[in-house]
Structures are given as structure tokens and as C-alpha cells.
């Protein structure tokens, strides 16, 4: 992950999202393999209850997942809905920004042309 994006909780949220999805798909144990030097990933796993075992230069983390229930399924569904809504809003805002840039460019050229043509 880019250094500027570290420390904002993105990795933890991705871990939680993966665990929730795995739980709802019937996975009983979430297993993560990471380099032992990847302290950030191992801290994320430990913070969320995973047991970490080190094997030389690699580590494995195991998290026993509870069975899926109505709440976990609704949380995943709501997360998907909000993610889709967020994506759509960001995409629409980019379109509007580009359109406004185009209008500004046309406006600037019109003003420059008017200055040239005025007596």
C-alpha cells in the first residue's frame, strides 16, 4: 500500500470485509499467510482475534469464523449497497468535474476572443 494511505484503517476494513464475506460463504477458518516482517498485516489479524504462528520468514494467522446469520448477511448486503452507491457518486462527480472544466475552457476562450475583438 502507498505510504500516504497507511494508517487510515483501510487494511483493517478490508480484512473485516474479507472475513464477513468468507463467513457468509460458509468458511469456518480464515487463514492468512504473510511475511513475518509484515508487522502491519499481522497486527491487523491479531487485533481482530486471529492466532498468529511464525514459521521462519513467514507467518500464518488463523481466525475461526462464526456461522453466518441474518445479521452477517444483512451487513454484507448493506456494505455492497453503500460501496456501489459510493462508486457511482465518485464516477458521476468525475464526469461533472470534466464537464465543468470543458465549460471553463470555452468560457476562457470566449473572453479572450471578446477582448481581441473589442475596440
C-alpha atoms as a PDB file:
ATOM      1  CA  UNK A   1       0.000   0.000   0.000  1.00  0.00           C
ATOM      2  CA  UNK A   2       1.248   3.509  -0.762  1.00  0.00           C
ATOM      3  CA  UNK A   3       2.823   5.152   2.303  1.00  0.00           C
ATOM      4  CA  UNK A   4       0.352   8.051   2.128  1.00  0.00           C
ATOM      5  CA  UNK A   5      -2.558   5.614   2.527  1.00  0.00           C
ATOM      6  CA  UNK A   6      -1.150   3.775   5.538  1.00  0.00           C
ATOM      7  CA  UNK A   7      -2.544   4.337   8.998  1.00  0.00           C
ATOM      8  CA  UNK A   8      -6.102   5.163   7.896  1.00  0.00           C
ATOM      9  CA  UNK A   9      -7.647   1.794   8.750  1.00  0.00           C
ATOM     10  CA  UNK A  10      -8.078   0.652   5.150  1.00  0.00           C
ATOM     11  CA  UNK A  11      -6.271  -2.659   5.715  1.00  0.00           C
ATOM     12  CA  UNK A  12      -8.401  -3.419   8.769  1.00  0.00           C
ATOM     13  CA  UNK A  13     -11.610  -2.685   6.901  1.00  0.00           C
ATOM     14  CA  UNK A  14     -10.506  -4.892   4.002  1.00  0.00           C
ATOM     15  CA  UNK A  15      -9.705  -7.694   6.464  1.00  0.00           C
ATOM     16  CA  UNK A  16     -13.105  -7.346   8.113  1.00  0.00           C
ATOM     17  CA  UNK A  17     -14.823  -7.337   4.721  1.00  0.00           C
ATOM     18  CA  UNK A  18     -12.985 -10.498   3.658  1.00  0.00           C
ATOM     19  CA  UNK A  19     -13.828 -12.209   6.956  1.00  0.00           C
ATOM     20  CA  UNK A  20     -17.500 -11.251   6.667  1.00  0.00           C
ATOM     21  CA  UNK A  21     -17.719 -12.500   3.094  1.00  0.00           C
ATOM     22  CA  UNK A  22     -15.919 -15.745   3.969  1.00  0.00           C
ATOM     23  CA  UNK A  23     -18.238 -16.256   6.942  1.00  0.00           C
ATOM     24  CA  UNK A  24     -21.313 -15.798   4.757  1.00  0.00           C
ATOM     25  CA  UNK A  25     -19.897 -18.263   2.220  1.00  0.00           C
ATOM     26  CA  UNK A  26     -19.601 -20.957   4.894  1.00  0.00           C
ATOM     27  CA  UNK A  27     -15.846 -20.736   5.522  1.00  0.00           C
ATOM     28  CA  UNK A  28     -15.044 -21.886   9.044  1.00  0.00           C
ATOM     29  CA  UNK A  29     -11.423 -20.715   9.392  1.00  0.00           C
ATOM     30  CA  UNK A  30      -9.814 -17.732   7.686  1.00  0.00           C
ATOM     31  CA  UNK A  31      -6.118 -18.361   7.041  1.00  0.00           C
ATOM     32  CA  UNK A  32      -3.651 -15.638   6.148  1.00  0.00           C
ATOM     33  CA  UNK A  33      -0.067 -16.133   5.075  1.00  0.00           C
ATOM     34  CA  UNK A  34       2.265 -13.165   5.332  1.00  0.00           C
ATOM     35  CA  UNK A  35       5.947 -12.486   5.609  1.00  0.00           C
ATOM     36  CA  UNK A  36       6.987 -12.306   9.251  1.00  0.00           C
ATOM     37  CA  UNK A  37       8.265  -8.778   8.590  1.00  0.00           C
ATOM     38  CA  UNK A  38       4.771  -7.635   7.554  1.00  0.00           C
ATOM     39  CA  UNK A  39       4.030  -6.365  11.048  1.00  0.00           C
ATOM     40  CA  UNK A  40       1.070  -4.247   9.906  1.00  0.00           C
ATOM     41  CA  UNK A  41      -0.830  -7.219   8.422  1.00  0.00           C
ATOM     42  CA  UNK A  42      -0.079  -9.406  11.420  1.00  0.00           C
ATOM     43  CA  UNK A  43      -1.228  -6.644  13.791  1.00  0.00           C
ATOM     44  CA  UNK A  44      -4.487  -6.315  11.851  1.00  0.00           C
ATOM     45  CA  UNK A  45      -5.068 -10.069  12.137  1.00  0.00           C
ATOM     46  CA  UNK A  46      -4.203 -10.167  15.860  1.00  0.00           C
ATOM     47  CA  UNK A  47      -6.406  -7.156  16.616  1.00  0.00           C
ATOM     48  CA  UNK A  48      -9.360  -9.000  15.117  1.00  0.00           C
ATOM     49  CA  UNK A  49      -8.774 -12.159  17.125  1.00  0.00           C
ATOM     50  CA  UNK A  50      -6.574 -14.269  14.854  1.00  0.00           C
ATOM     51  CA  UNK A  51      -3.928 -16.604  16.253  1.00  0.00           C
ATOM     52  CA  UNK A  52      -0.554 -15.980  14.600  1.00  0.00           C
ATOM     53  CA  UNK A  53       2.159 -18.643  14.202  1.00  0.00           C
ATOM     54  CA  UNK A  54       5.614 -17.807  12.896  1.00  0.00           C
ATOM     55  CA  UNK A  55       7.492 -20.256  10.655  1.00  0.00           C
ATOM     56  CA  UNK A  56      10.898 -18.806   9.794  1.00  0.00           C
ATOM     57  CA  UNK A  57      10.456 -15.846   7.470  1.00  0.00           C
ATOM     58  CA  UNK A  58       6.717 -16.447   7.100  1.00  0.00           C
ATOM     59  CA  UNK A  59       3.752 -16.242   9.442  1.00  0.00           C
ATOM     60  CA  UNK A  60       0.311 -17.750   9.336  1.00  0.00           C
ATOM     61  CA  UNK A  61      -2.751 -16.308  11.034  1.00  0.00           C
ATOM     62  CA  UNK A  62      -5.917 -18.265  11.730  1.00  0.00           C
ATOM     63  CA  UNK A  63      -9.287 -16.805  12.623  1.00  0.00           C
ATOM     64  CA  UNK A  64     -12.204 -19.092  13.496  1.00  0.00           C
ATOM     65  CA  UNK A  65     -15.312 -17.595  11.948  1.00  0.00           C
ATOM     66  CA  UNK A  66     -18.782 -17.881  13.464  1.00  0.00           C
ATOM     67  CA  UNK A  67     -21.571 -19.303  11.343  1.00  0.00           C
ATOM     68  CA  UNK A  68     -23.402 -16.918   9.058  1.00  0.00           C
ATOM     69  CA  UNK A  69     -26.629 -15.469  10.406  1.00  0.00           C
ATOM     70  CA  UNK A  70     -29.183 -12.898   9.345  1.00  0.00           C
ATOM     71  CA  UNK A  71     -27.145 -10.026  10.789  1.00  0.00           C
ATOM     72  CA  UNK A  72     -23.937 -11.005   8.972  1.00  0.00           C
ATOM     73  CA  UNK A  73     -25.794 -11.421   5.694  1.00  0.00           C
ATOM     74  CA  UNK A  74     -27.536  -8.059   6.066  1.00  0.00           C
ATOM     75  CA  UNK A  75     -24.235  -6.355   6.989  1.00  0.00           C
ATOM     76  CA  UNK A  76     -22.634  -7.726   3.840  1.00  0.00           C
ATOM     77  CA  UNK A  77     -25.625  -6.727   1.707  1.00  0.00           C
ATOM     78  CA  UNK A  78     -25.650  -3.201   3.162  1.00  0.00           C
ATOM     79  CA  UNK A  79     -21.885  -2.910   2.633  1.00  0.00           C
ATOM     80  CA  UNK A  80     -22.249  -3.901  -1.010  1.00  0.00           C
ATOM     81  CA  UNK A  81     -25.068  -1.390  -1.472  1.00  0.00           C
ATOM     82  CA  UNK A  82     -23.114   1.504   0.061  1.00  0.00           C
ATOM     83  CA  UNK A  83     -19.957   0.589  -1.855  1.00  0.00           C
ATOM     84  CA  UNK A  84     -21.909   0.631  -5.122  1.00  0.00           C
ATOM     85  CA  UNK A  85     -23.537   3.930  -4.236  1.00  0.00           C
ATOM     86  CA  UNK A  86     -20.173   5.463  -3.319  1.00  0.00           C
ATOM     87  CA  UNK A  87     -18.618   4.236  -6.567  1.00  0.00           C
ATOM     88  CA  UNK A  88     -21.489   5.709  -8.592  1.00  0.00           C
ATOM     89  CA  UNK A  89     -21.262   9.067  -6.830  1.00  0.00           C
ATOM     90  CA  UNK A  90     -17.500   9.277  -7.350  1.00  0.00           C
ATOM     91  CA  UNK A  91     -17.873   8.356 -11.026  1.00  0.00           C
ATOM     92  CA  UNK A  92     -20.625  10.955 -11.516  1.00  0.00           C
ATOM     93  CA  UNK A  93     -18.607  13.649  -9.745  1.00  0.00           C
ATOM     94  CA  UNK A  94     -15.656  12.973 -12.057  1.00  0.00           C
ATOM     95  CA  UNK A  95     -17.925  13.372 -15.072  1.00  0.00           C
ATOM     96  CA  UNK A  96     -19.250  16.682 -13.707  1.00  0.00           C
ATOM     97  CA  UNK A  97     -15.748  17.973 -12.973  1.00  0.00           C
ATOM     98  CA  UNK A  98     -14.597  17.191 -16.513  1.00  0.00           C
ATOM     99  CA  UNK A  99     -17.722  18.814 -17.950  1.00  0.00           C
ATOM    100  CA  UNK A 100     -17.179  21.950 -15.853  1.00  0.00           C
ATOM    101  CA  UNK A 101     -13.540  22.081 -16.962  1.00  0.00           C
ATOM    102  CA  UNK A 102     -14.769  21.990 -20.544  1.00  0.00           C
ATOM    103  CA  UNK A 103     -17.206  24.845 -19.889  1.00  0.00           C
ATOM    104  CA  UNK A 104     -14.452  26.846 -18.202  1.00  0.00           C
ATOM    105  CA  UNK A 105     -12.169  26.319 -21.187  1.00  0.00           C
ATOM    106  CA  UNK A 106     -14.864  27.503 -23.615  1.00  0.00           C
ATOM    107  CA  UNK A 107     -15.633  30.495 -21.352  1.00  0.00           C
ATOM    108  CA  UNK A 108     -11.945  31.465 -21.158  1.00  0.00           C
ATOM    109  CA  UNK A 109     -11.566  31.323 -24.937  1.00  0.00           C
ATOM    110  CA  UNK A 110     -14.741  33.364 -25.421  1.00  0.00           C
ATOM    111  CA  UNK A 111     -13.492  36.047 -23.012  1.00  0.00           C
ATOM    112  CA  UNK A 112     -10.098  36.134 -24.755  1.00  0.00           C
ATOM    113  CA  UNK A 113     -11.785  36.412 -28.166  1.00  0.00           C
ATOM    114  CA  UNK A 114     -14.056  39.197 -26.912  1.00  0.00           C
ATOM    115  CA  UNK A 115     -11.037  41.171 -25.657  1.00  0.00           C
ATOM    116  CA  UNK A 116      -9.331  40.859 -29.048  1.00  0.00           C
ATOM    117  CA  UNK A 117     -12.454  41.984 -30.925  1.00  0.00           C
ATOM    118  CA  UNK A 118     -13.386  44.895 -28.638  1.00  0.00           C
ATOM    119  CA  UNK A 119     -12.310  48.430 -29.708  1.00  0.00           C
END
